[in-house]
């Protein structure tokens, strides 16, 4: 493993601002797919390291411990699993459809 000290003229803590800076040609970014997928699909950004994959994120549903989980909490957890648990993720579905439509 190696380390590298990077000096930057621009420091941001907002994913959309980072994406916009990269689109403007101000540098490289490492951002979640849901932020960059539309720009990748439009060709505004390219994947600089396409074979590099970060460790997958995990989403946790945190709720008070009770003997019986309320129906409302169970419904929202089940909905999150359906919406976010599929392959590809929601932000990648449109991009995948766009590629197949282009053929």
PDB file of N, CA and C in Angstrom:
ATOM      1  N   UNK A   1       0.847  -1.171   0.000  1.00  0.00           N
ATOM      2  CA  UNK A   1       0.000   0.000   0.000  1.00  0.00           C
ATOM      3  C   UNK A   1       0.893   1.235   0.000  1.00  0.00           C
ATOM      4  N   UNK A   2       0.477   2.262  -0.714  1.00  0.00           N
ATOM      5  CA  UNK A   2       1.231   3.509  -0.733  1.00  0.00           C
ATOM      6  C   UNK A   2       0.305   4.646  -0.321  1.00  0.00           C
ATOM      7  N   UNK A   3       0.900   5.718   0.107  1.00  0.00           N
ATOM      8  CA  UNK A   3       0.101   6.882   0.462  1.00  0.00           C
ATOM      9  C   UNK A   3       0.535   8.051  -0.397  1.00  0.00           C
ATOM     10  N   UNK A   4      -0.348   9.001  -0.520  1.00  0.00           N
ATOM     11  CA  UNK A   4      -0.108  10.147  -1.373  1.00  0.00           C
ATOM     12  C   UNK A   4      -0.715  11.369  -0.709  1.00  0.00           C
ATOM     13  N   UNK A   5       0.065  12.423  -0.607  1.00  0.00           N
ATOM     14  CA  UNK A   5      -0.441  13.682  -0.067  1.00  0.00           C
ATOM     15  C   UNK A   5      -0.985  14.494  -1.233  1.00  0.00           C
ATOM     16  N   UNK A   6      -2.229  14.899  -1.118  1.00  0.00           N
ATOM     17  CA  UNK A   6      -2.871  15.651  -2.188  1.00  0.00           C
ATOM     18  C   UNK A   6      -3.157  17.063  -1.699  1.00  0.00           C
ATOM     19  N   UNK A   7      -2.723  18.034  -2.462  1.00  0.00           N
ATOM     20  CA  UNK A   7      -3.014  19.432  -2.161  1.00  0.00           C
ATOM     21  C   UNK A   7      -4.084  19.885  -3.151  1.00  0.00           C
ATOM     22  N   UNK A   8      -5.161  20.399  -2.633  1.00  0.00           N
ATOM     23  CA  UNK A   8      -6.278  20.771  -3.481  1.00  0.00           C
ATOM     24  C   UNK A   8      -6.600  22.250  -3.340  1.00  0.00           C
ATOM     25  N   UNK A   9      -7.013  22.845  -4.447  1.00  0.00           N
ATOM     26  CA  UNK A   9      -7.482  24.229  -4.410  1.00  0.00           C
ATOM     27  C   UNK A   9      -8.933  24.296  -3.993  1.00  0.00           C
ATOM     28  N   UNK A  10      -9.620  23.187  -4.078  1.00  0.00           N
ATOM     29  CA  UNK A  10     -11.056  23.152  -3.849  1.00  0.00           C
ATOM     30  C   UNK A  10     -11.382  22.055  -2.848  1.00  0.00           C
ATOM     31  N   UNK A  11     -12.091  22.406  -1.792  1.00  0.00           N
ATOM     32  CA  UNK A  11     -12.519  21.429  -0.793  1.00  0.00           C
ATOM     33  C   UNK A  11     -14.028  21.558  -0.643  1.00  0.00           C
ATOM     34  N   UNK A  12     -14.743  20.438  -0.884  1.00  0.00           N
ATOM     35  CA  UNK A  12     -16.208  20.438  -0.841  1.00  0.00           C
ATOM     36  C   UNK A  12     -16.698  19.304   0.045  1.00  0.00           C
ATOM     37  N   UNK A  13     -17.861  19.485   0.629  1.00  0.00           N
ATOM     38  CA  UNK A  13     -18.447  18.417   1.428  1.00  0.00           C
ATOM     39  C   UNK A  13     -19.870  18.098   0.964  1.00  0.00           C
ATOM     40  N   UNK A  14     -20.153  18.335  -0.300  1.00  0.00           N
ATOM     41  CA  UNK A  14     -21.461  18.084  -0.872  1.00  0.00           C
ATOM     42  C   UNK A  14     -21.262  17.294  -2.165  1.00  0.00           C
ATOM     43  N   UNK A  15     -21.916  16.136  -2.247  1.00  0.00           N
ATOM     44  CA  UNK A  15     -21.728  15.268  -3.405  1.00  0.00           C
ATOM     45  C   UNK A  15     -22.109  15.903  -4.724  1.00  0.00           C
ATOM     46  N   UNK A  16     -23.214  16.625  -4.743  1.00  0.00           N
ATOM     47  CA  UNK A  16     -23.638  17.259  -5.993  1.00  0.00           C
ATOM     48  C   UNK A  16     -22.649  18.344  -6.419  1.00  0.00           C
ATOM     49  N   UNK A  17     -22.132  19.105  -5.468  1.00  0.00           N
ATOM     50  CA  UNK A  17     -21.138  20.133  -5.791  1.00  0.00           C
ATOM     51  C   UNK A  17     -19.847  19.483  -6.293  1.00  0.00           C
ATOM     52  N   UNK A  18     -19.471  18.362  -5.690  1.00  0.00           N
ATOM     53  CA  UNK A  18     -18.275  17.639  -6.143  1.00  0.00           C
ATOM     54  C   UNK A  18     -18.469  17.127  -7.570  1.00  0.00           C
ATOM     55  N   UNK A  19     -19.657  16.567  -7.843  1.00  0.00           N
ATOM     56  CA  UNK A  19     -19.963  16.090  -9.192  1.00  0.00           C
ATOM     57  C   UNK A  19     -19.878  17.233 -10.195  1.00  0.00           C
ATOM     58  N   UNK A  20     -20.486  18.371  -9.856  1.00  0.00           N
ATOM     59  CA  UNK A  20     -20.480  19.517 -10.760  1.00  0.00           C
ATOM     60  C   UNK A  20     -19.068  20.037 -11.002  1.00  0.00           C
ATOM     61  N   UNK A  21     -18.227  20.005  -9.966  1.00  0.00           N
ATOM     62  CA  UNK A  21     -16.829  20.429 -10.128  1.00  0.00           C
ATOM     63  C   UNK A  21     -16.102  19.486 -11.079  1.00  0.00           C
ATOM     64  N   UNK A  22     -16.345  18.189 -10.945  1.00  0.00           N
ATOM     65  CA  UNK A  22     -15.708  17.219 -11.845  1.00  0.00           C
ATOM     66  C   UNK A  22     -16.188  17.423 -13.283  1.00  0.00           C
ATOM     67  N   UNK A  23     -17.485  17.673 -13.461  1.00  0.00           N
ATOM     68  CA  UNK A  23     -18.013  17.939 -14.803  1.00  0.00           C
ATOM     69  C   UNK A  23     -17.346  19.173 -15.404  1.00  0.00           C
ATOM     70  N   UNK A  24     -17.053  20.165 -14.556  1.00  0.00           N
ATOM     71  CA  UNK A  24     -16.396  21.396 -15.021  1.00  0.00           C
ATOM     72  C   UNK A  24     -14.903  21.189 -15.272  1.00  0.00           C
ATOM     73  N   UNK A  25     -14.399  19.982 -15.018  1.00  0.00           N
ATOM     74  CA  UNK A  25     -12.991  19.691 -15.291  1.00  0.00           C
ATOM     75  C   UNK A  25     -12.048  20.078 -14.166  1.00  0.00           C
ATOM     76  N   UNK A  26     -12.563  20.201 -12.949  1.00  0.00           N
ATOM     77  CA  UNK A  26     -11.731  20.641 -11.826  1.00  0.00           C
ATOM     78  C   UNK A  26     -11.066  19.507 -11.055  1.00  0.00           C
ATOM     79  N   UNK A  27     -11.218  18.280 -11.507  1.00  0.00           N
ATOM     80  CA  UNK A  27     -10.524  17.184 -10.834  1.00  0.00           C
ATOM     81  C   UNK A  27     -11.317  15.896 -10.817  1.00  0.00           C
ATOM     82  N   UNK A  28     -10.774  14.934 -10.073  1.00  0.00           N
ATOM     83  CA  UNK A  28     -11.387  13.620  -9.924  1.00  0.00           C
ATOM     84  C   UNK A  28     -12.241  13.578  -8.667  1.00  0.00           C
ATOM     85  N   UNK A  29     -13.269  12.740  -8.678  1.00  0.00           N
ATOM     86  CA  UNK A  29     -14.104  12.556  -7.502  1.00  0.00           C
ATOM     87  C   UNK A  29     -14.377  11.069  -7.317  1.00  0.00           C
ATOM     88  N   UNK A  30     -14.605  10.692  -6.084  1.00  0.00           N
ATOM     89  CA  UNK A  30     -15.082   9.346  -5.755  1.00  0.00           C
ATOM     90  C   UNK A  30     -16.428   9.547  -5.079  1.00  0.00           C
ATOM     91  N   UNK A  31     -17.495   9.242  -5.817  1.00  0.00           N
ATOM     92  CA  UNK A  31     -18.853   9.506  -5.339  1.00  0.00           C
ATOM     93  C   UNK A  31     -19.739   8.287  -5.539  1.00  0.00           C
ATOM     94  N   UNK A  32     -20.834   8.211  -4.791  1.00  0.00           N
ATOM     95  CA  UNK A  32     -21.784   7.118  -4.989  1.00  0.00           C
ATOM     96  C   UNK A  32     -22.415   7.180  -6.376  1.00  0.00           C
ATOM     97  N   UNK A  33     -22.761   6.013  -6.899  1.00  0.00           N
ATOM     98  CA  UNK A  33     -23.368   5.929  -8.224  1.00  0.00           C
ATOM     99  C   UNK A  33     -24.631   6.767  -8.356  1.00  0.00           C
ATOM    100  N   UNK A  34     -25.437   6.842  -7.302  1.00  0.00           N
ATOM    101  CA  UNK A  34     -26.693   7.571  -7.443  1.00  0.00           C
ATOM    102  C   UNK A  34     -26.473   9.055  -7.694  1.00  0.00           C
ATOM    103  N   UNK A  35     -25.309   9.565  -7.360  1.00  0.00           N
ATOM    104  CA  UNK A  35     -25.013  10.981  -7.622  1.00  0.00           C
ATOM    105  C   UNK A  35     -24.458  11.164  -9.035  1.00  0.00           C
ATOM    106  N   UNK A  36     -23.643  10.238  -9.507  1.00  0.00           N
ATOM    107  CA  UNK A  36     -22.977  10.421 -10.797  1.00  0.00           C
ATOM    108  C   UNK A  36     -23.621   9.670 -11.954  1.00  0.00           C
ATOM    109  N   UNK A  37     -24.562   8.763 -11.695  1.00  0.00           N
ATOM    110  CA  UNK A  37     -25.141   7.945 -12.769  1.00  0.00           C
ATOM    111  C   UNK A  37     -25.710   8.775 -13.924  1.00  0.00           C
ATOM    112  N   UNK A  38     -26.508   9.818 -13.665  1.00  0.00           N
ATOM    113  CA  UNK A  38     -27.018  10.598 -14.806  1.00  0.00           C
ATOM    114  C   UNK A  38     -25.900  11.256 -15.626  1.00  0.00           C
ATOM    115  N   UNK A  39     -24.881  11.780 -14.965  1.00  0.00           N
ATOM    116  CA  UNK A  39     -23.772  12.424 -15.683  1.00  0.00           C
ATOM    117  C   UNK A  39     -22.957  11.402 -16.475  1.00  0.00           C
ATOM    118  N   UNK A  40     -22.807  10.195 -15.935  1.00  0.00           N
ATOM    119  CA  UNK A  40     -22.118   9.131 -16.674  1.00  0.00           C
ATOM    120  C   UNK A  40     -22.923   8.746 -17.911  1.00  0.00           C
ATOM    121  N   UNK A  41     -24.241   8.628 -17.748  1.00  0.00           N
ATOM    122  CA  UNK A  41     -25.110   8.246 -18.867  1.00  0.00           C
ATOM    123  C   UNK A  41     -25.090   9.287 -19.980  1.00  0.00           C
ATOM    124  N   UNK A  42     -24.993  10.563 -19.616  1.00  0.00           N
ATOM    125  CA  UNK A  42     -24.968  11.648 -20.607  1.00  0.00           C
ATOM    126  C   UNK A  42     -23.585  11.852 -21.211  1.00  0.00           C
ATOM    127  N   UNK A  43     -22.566  11.185 -20.651  1.00  0.00           N
ATOM    128  CA  UNK A  43     -21.208  11.370 -21.140  1.00  0.00           C
ATOM    129  C   UNK A  43     -20.522  12.594 -20.564  1.00  0.00           C
ATOM    130  N   UNK A  44     -21.126  13.219 -19.554  1.00  0.00           N
ATOM    131  CA  UNK A  44     -20.507  14.385 -18.917  1.00  0.00           C
ATOM    132  C   UNK A  44     -19.329  13.979 -18.039  1.00  0.00           C
ATOM    133  N   UNK A  45     -19.366  12.741 -17.537  1.00  0.00           N
ATOM    134  CA  UNK A  45     -18.276  12.176 -16.739  1.00  0.00           C
ATOM    135  C   UNK A  45     -17.906  10.825 -17.310  1.00  0.00           C
ATOM    136  N   UNK A  46     -16.684  10.399 -17.042  1.00  0.00           N
ATOM    137  CA  UNK A  46     -16.255   9.044 -17.387  1.00  0.00           C
ATOM    138  C   UNK A  46     -15.708   8.393 -16.119  1.00  0.00           C
ATOM    139  N   UNK A  47     -15.753   7.085 -16.071  1.00  0.00           N
ATOM    140  CA  UNK A  47     -15.195   6.351 -14.936  1.00  0.00           C
ATOM    141  C   UNK A  47     -13.680   6.287 -15.122  1.00  0.00           C
ATOM    142  N   UNK A  48     -12.939   6.964 -14.261  1.00  0.00           N
ATOM    143  CA  UNK A  48     -11.479   7.004 -14.375  1.00  0.00           C
ATOM    144  C   UNK A  48     -10.853   5.661 -14.005  1.00  0.00           C
ATOM    145  N   UNK A  49     -11.437   4.960 -13.045  1.00  0.00           N
ATOM    146  CA  UNK A  49     -10.943   3.657 -12.612  1.00  0.00           C
ATOM    147  C   UNK A  49     -12.102   2.663 -12.639  1.00  0.00           C
ATOM    148  N   UNK A  50     -12.511   2.203 -13.825  1.00  0.00           N
ATOM    149  CA  UNK A  50     -13.715   1.383 -13.924  1.00  0.00           C
ATOM    150  C   UNK A  50     -13.644   0.046 -13.189  1.00  0.00           C
ATOM    151  N   UNK A  51     -12.457  -0.482 -12.969  1.00  0.00           N
ATOM    152  CA  UNK A  51     -12.323  -1.769 -12.284  1.00  0.00           C
ATOM    153  C   UNK A  51     -12.174  -1.632 -10.775  1.00  0.00           C
ATOM    154  N   UNK A  52     -12.085  -0.407 -10.278  1.00  0.00           N
ATOM    155  CA  UNK A  52     -11.967  -0.183  -8.833  1.00  0.00           C
ATOM    156  C   UNK A  52     -13.370  -0.083  -8.243  1.00  0.00           C
ATOM    157  N   UNK A  53     -13.629  -0.893  -7.232  1.00  0.00           N
ATOM    158  CA  UNK A  53     -14.947  -0.891  -6.604  1.00  0.00           C
ATOM    159  C   UNK A  53     -14.782  -0.682  -5.108  1.00  0.00           C
ATOM    160  N   UNK A  54     -15.446   0.341  -4.568  1.00  0.00           N
ATOM    161  CA  UNK A  54     -15.369   0.564  -3.124  1.00  0.00           C
ATOM    162  C   UNK A  54     -16.120  -0.523  -2.364  1.00  0.00           C
ATOM    163  N   UNK A  55     -15.863  -0.597  -1.089  1.00  0.00           N
ATOM    164  CA  UNK A  55     -16.590  -1.531  -0.240  1.00  0.00           C
ATOM    165  C   UNK A  55     -18.068  -1.154  -0.273  1.00  0.00           C
ATOM    166  N   UNK A  56     -18.965  -2.123  -0.472  1.00  0.00           N
ATOM    167  CA  UNK A  56     -20.394  -1.795  -0.538  1.00  0.00           C
ATOM    168  C   UNK A  56     -20.885  -1.139   0.747  1.00  0.00           C
ATOM    169  N   UNK A  57     -21.790  -0.193   0.573  1.00  0.00           N
ATOM    170  CA  UNK A  57     -22.416   0.456   1.725  1.00  0.00           C
ATOM    171  C   UNK A  57     -23.533  -0.423   2.259  1.00  0.00           C
ATOM    172  N   UNK A  58     -23.806  -0.261   3.518  1.00  0.00           N
ATOM    173  CA  UNK A  58     -24.896  -0.973   4.161  1.00  0.00           C
ATOM    174  C   UNK A  58     -25.819   0.053   4.801  1.00  0.00           C
ATOM    175  N   UNK A  59     -27.105  -0.154   4.660  1.00  0.00           N
ATOM    176  CA  UNK A  59     -28.087   0.723   5.273  1.00  0.00           C
ATOM    177  C   UNK A  59     -28.758  -0.054   6.396  1.00  0.00           C
ATOM    178  N   UNK A  60     -28.850   0.570   7.546  1.00  0.00           N
ATOM    179  CA  UNK A  60     -29.476  -0.061   8.699  1.00  0.00           C
ATOM    180  C   UNK A  60     -30.759   0.675   9.060  1.00  0.00           C
ATOM    181  N   UNK A  61     -31.783  -0.080   9.404  1.00  0.00           N
ATOM    182  CA  UNK A  61     -33.019   0.495   9.946  1.00  0.00           C
ATOM    183  C   UNK A  61     -32.904   0.377  11.465  1.00  0.00           C
ATOM    184  N   UNK A  62     -32.886   1.498  12.142  1.00  0.00           N
ATOM    185  CA  UNK A  62     -32.729   1.510  13.593  1.00  0.00           C
ATOM    186  C   UNK A  62     -34.044   1.942  14.220  1.00  0.00           C
ATOM    187  N   UNK A  63     -34.517   1.151  15.132  1.00  0.00           N
ATOM    188  CA  UNK A  63     -35.790   1.434  15.781  1.00  0.00           C
ATOM    189  C   UNK A  63     -35.722   0.934  17.219  1.00  0.00           C
ATOM    190  N   UNK A  64     -36.585   1.453  18.088  1.00  0.00           N
ATOM    191  CA  UNK A  64     -36.547   1.033  19.489  1.00  0.00           C
ATOM    192  C   UNK A  64     -36.860  -0.465  19.621  1.00  0.00           C
ATOM    193  N   UNK A  65     -36.134  -1.117  20.506  1.00  0.00           N
ATOM    194  CA  UNK A  65     -36.366  -2.535  20.728  1.00  0.00           C
ATOM    195  C   UNK A  65     -37.676  -2.725  21.501  1.00  0.00           C
ATOM    196  N   UNK A  66     -38.556  -3.496  20.931  1.00  0.00           N
ATOM    197  CA  UNK A  66     -39.816  -3.831  21.595  1.00  0.00           C
ATOM    198  C   UNK A  66     -40.073  -5.316  21.369  1.00  0.00           C
ATOM    199  N   UNK A  67     -40.983  -5.840  22.123  1.00  0.00           N
ATOM    200  CA  UNK A  67     -41.289  -7.251  21.957  1.00  0.00           C
ATOM    201  C   UNK A  67     -41.982  -7.494  20.614  1.00  0.00           C
ATOM    202  N   UNK A  68     -42.815  -6.546  20.203  1.00  0.00           N
ATOM    203  CA  UNK A  68     -43.541  -6.669  18.938  1.00  0.00           C
ATOM    204  C   UNK A  68     -43.267  -5.437  18.093  1.00  0.00           C
ATOM    205  N   UNK A  69     -42.739  -5.650  16.903  1.00  0.00           N
ATOM    206  CA  UNK A  69     -42.455  -4.561  15.971  1.00  0.00           C
ATOM    207  C   UNK A  69     -43.776  -4.015  15.439  1.00  0.00           C
ATOM    208  N   UNK A  70     -43.936  -2.682  15.442  1.00  0.00           N
ATOM    209  CA  UNK A  70     -45.193  -2.103  14.954  1.00  0.00           C
ATOM    210  C   UNK A  70     -45.349  -2.376  13.459  1.00  0.00           C
ATOM    211  N   UNK A  71     -46.568  -2.433  13.034  1.00  0.00           N
ATOM    212  CA  UNK A  71     -46.871  -2.705  11.626  1.00  0.00           C
ATOM    213  C   UNK A  71     -46.282  -1.607  10.724  1.00  0.00           C
ATOM    214  N   UNK A  72     -46.366  -0.369  11.161  1.00  0.00           N
ATOM    215  CA  UNK A  72     -45.839   0.747  10.364  1.00  0.00           C
ATOM    216  C   UNK A  72     -44.341   0.603  10.133  1.00  0.00           C
ATOM    217  N   UNK A  73     -43.617   0.239  11.184  1.00  0.00           N
ATOM    218  CA  UNK A  73     -42.164   0.073  11.057  1.00  0.00           C
ATOM    219  C   UNK A  73     -41.865  -1.091  10.127  1.00  0.00           C
ATOM    220  N   UNK A  74     -42.559  -2.195  10.269  1.00  0.00           N
ATOM    221  CA  UNK A  74     -42.346  -3.359   9.406  1.00  0.00           C
ATOM    222  C   UNK A  74     -42.635  -3.014   7.957  1.00  0.00           C
ATOM    223  N   UNK A  75     -43.698  -2.255   7.683  1.00  0.00           N
ATOM    224  CA  UNK A  75     -44.049  -1.872   6.313  1.00  0.00           C
ATOM    225  C   UNK A  75     -42.943  -1.029   5.690  1.00  0.00           C
ATOM    226  N   UNK A  76     -42.425  -0.046   6.419  1.00  0.00           N
ATOM    227  CA  UNK A  76     -41.381   0.811   5.847  1.00  0.00           C
ATOM    228  C   UNK A  76     -40.084   0.030   5.636  1.00  0.00           C
ATOM    229  N   UNK A  77     -39.739  -0.858   6.541  1.00  0.00           N
ATOM    230  CA  UNK A  77     -38.536  -1.679   6.354  1.00  0.00           C
ATOM    231  C   UNK A  77     -38.692  -2.557   5.117  1.00  0.00           C
ATOM    232  N   UNK A  78     -39.834  -3.194   4.977  1.00  0.00           N
ATOM    233  CA  UNK A  78     -40.071  -4.036   3.798  1.00  0.00           C
ATOM    234  C   UNK A  78     -40.007  -3.218   2.509  1.00  0.00           C
ATOM    235  N   UNK A  79     -40.536  -2.000   2.538  1.00  0.00           N
ATOM    236  CA  UNK A  79     -40.510  -1.144   1.346  1.00  0.00           C
ATOM    237  C   UNK A  79     -39.080  -0.744   0.995  1.00  0.00           C
ATOM    238  N   UNK A  80     -38.284  -0.409   1.999  1.00  0.00           N
ATOM    239  CA  UNK A  80     -36.879  -0.067   1.753  1.00  0.00           C
ATOM    240  C   UNK A  80     -36.118  -1.237   1.141  1.00  0.00           C
ATOM    241  N   UNK A  81     -36.401  -2.429   1.604  1.00  0.00           N
ATOM    242  CA  UNK A  81     -35.748  -3.618   1.045  1.00  0.00           C
ATOM    243  C   UNK A  81     -36.111  -3.769  -0.435  1.00  0.00           C
ATOM    244  N   UNK A  82     -37.389  -3.565  -0.764  1.00  0.00           N
ATOM    245  CA  UNK A  82     -37.827  -3.690  -2.156  1.00  0.00           C
ATOM    246  C   UNK A  82     -37.188  -2.609  -3.035  1.00  0.00           C
ATOM    247  N   UNK A  83     -37.217  -1.363  -2.563  1.00  0.00           N
ATOM    248  CA  UNK A  83     -36.737  -0.246  -3.369  1.00  0.00           C
ATOM    249  C   UNK A  83     -35.210  -0.225  -3.477  1.00  0.00           C
ATOM    250  N   UNK A  84     -34.521  -0.458  -2.365  1.00  0.00           N
ATOM    251  CA  UNK A  84     -33.063  -0.319  -2.356  1.00  0.00           C
ATOM    252  C   UNK A  84     -32.308  -1.639  -2.446  1.00  0.00           C
ATOM    253  N   UNK A  85     -32.992  -2.746  -2.249  1.00  0.00           N
ATOM    254  CA  UNK A  85     -32.299  -4.021  -2.179  1.00  0.00           C
ATOM    255  C   UNK A  85     -32.121  -4.733  -3.497  1.00  0.00           C
ATOM    256  N   UNK A  86     -32.710  -4.230  -4.562  1.00  0.00           N
ATOM    257  CA  UNK A  86     -32.654  -4.925  -5.843  1.00  0.00           C
ATOM    258  C   UNK A  86     -31.375  -4.658  -6.613  1.00  0.00           C
ATOM    259  N   UNK A  87     -31.178  -5.437  -7.644  1.00  0.00           N
ATOM    260  CA  UNK A  87     -30.064  -5.251  -8.562  1.00  0.00           C
ATOM    261  C   UNK A  87     -30.623  -4.902  -9.922  1.00  0.00           C
ATOM    262  N   UNK A  88     -30.159  -3.938 -10.614  1.00  0.00           N
ATOM    263  CA  UNK A  88     -29.267  -2.889 -10.139  1.00  0.00           C
ATOM    264  C   UNK A  88     -30.010  -1.944  -9.206  1.00  0.00           C
ATOM    265  N   UNK A  89     -29.261  -1.099  -8.502  1.00  0.00           N
ATOM    266  CA  UNK A  89     -29.910  -0.145  -7.607  1.00  0.00           C
ATOM    267  C   UNK A  89     -30.767   0.834  -8.410  1.00  0.00           C
ATOM    268  N   UNK A  90     -31.697   1.516  -7.756  1.00  0.00           N
ATOM    269  CA  UNK A  90     -32.617   2.413  -8.477  1.00  0.00           C
ATOM    270  C   UNK A  90     -31.917   3.414  -9.393  1.00  0.00           C
ATOM    271  N   UNK A  91     -30.790   3.972  -8.955  1.00  0.00           N
ATOM    272  CA  UNK A  91     -30.114   4.987  -9.766  1.00  0.00           C
ATOM    273  C   UNK A  91     -29.395   4.369 -10.956  1.00  0.00           C
ATOM    274  N   UNK A  92     -29.213   3.076 -10.994  1.00  0.00           N
ATOM    275  CA  UNK A  92     -28.568   2.418 -12.124  1.00  0.00           C
ATOM    276  C   UNK A  92     -29.538   1.828 -13.117  1.00  0.00           C
ATOM    277  N   UNK A  93     -30.799   1.743 -12.754  1.00  0.00           N
ATOM    278  CA  UNK A  93     -31.797   1.129 -13.632  1.00  0.00           C
ATOM    279  C   UNK A  93     -32.022   1.935 -14.891  1.00  0.00           C
ATOM    280  N   UNK A  94     -32.171   3.248 -14.753  1.00  0.00           N
ATOM    281  CA  UNK A  94     -32.399   4.103 -15.921  1.00  0.00           C
ATOM    282  C   UNK A  94     -31.206   4.046 -16.848  1.00  0.00           C
ATOM    283  N   UNK A  95     -30.005   4.068 -16.274  1.00  0.00           N
ATOM    284  CA  UNK A  95     -28.784   4.023 -17.076  1.00  0.00           C
ATOM    285  C   UNK A  95     -28.711   2.720 -17.861  1.00  0.00           C
ATOM    286  N   UNK A  96     -29.061   1.608 -17.233  1.00  0.00           N
ATOM    287  CA  UNK A  96     -29.028   0.321 -17.901  1.00  0.00           C
ATOM    288  C   UNK A  96     -30.046   0.289 -19.046  1.00  0.00           C
ATOM    289  N   UNK A  97     -31.251   0.829 -18.826  1.00  0.00           N
ATOM    290  CA  UNK A  97     -32.268   0.881 -19.859  1.00  0.00           C
ATOM    291  C   UNK A  97     -31.812   1.763 -21.026  1.00  0.00           C
ATOM    292  N   UNK A  98     -31.144   2.869 -20.708  1.00  0.00           N
ATOM    293  CA  UNK A  98     -30.664   3.782 -21.748  1.00  0.00           C
ATOM    294  C   UNK A  98     -29.676   3.070 -22.656  1.00  0.00           C
ATOM    295  N   UNK A  99     -28.778   2.265 -22.080  1.00  0.00           N
ATOM    296  CA  UNK A  99     -27.807   1.534 -22.883  1.00  0.00           C
ATOM    297  C   UNK A  99     -28.501   0.553 -23.819  1.00  0.00           C
ATOM    298  N   UNK A 100     -29.496  -0.183 -23.310  1.00  0.00           N
ATOM    299  CA  UNK A 100     -30.171  -1.178 -24.148  1.00  0.00           C
ATOM    300  C   UNK A 100     -31.005  -0.499 -25.225  1.00  0.00           C
ATOM    301  N   UNK A 101     -31.551   0.681 -24.961  1.00  0.00           N
ATOM    302  CA  UNK A 101     -32.330   1.405 -25.956  1.00  0.00           C
ATOM    303  C   UNK A 101     -31.442   1.930 -27.080  1.00  0.00           C
ATOM    304  N   UNK A 102     -30.171   2.160 -26.766  1.00  0.00           N
ATOM    305  CA  UNK A 102     -29.250   2.712 -27.769  1.00  0.00           C
ATOM    306  C   UNK A 102     -28.835   1.671 -28.800  1.00  0.00           C
ATOM    307  N   UNK A 103     -29.055   0.410 -28.496  1.00  0.00           N
ATOM    308  CA  UNK A 103     -28.624  -0.654 -29.429  1.00  0.00           C
ATOM    309  C   UNK A 103     -29.503  -0.770 -30.623  1.00  0.00           C
TER     310      UNK A 103
END
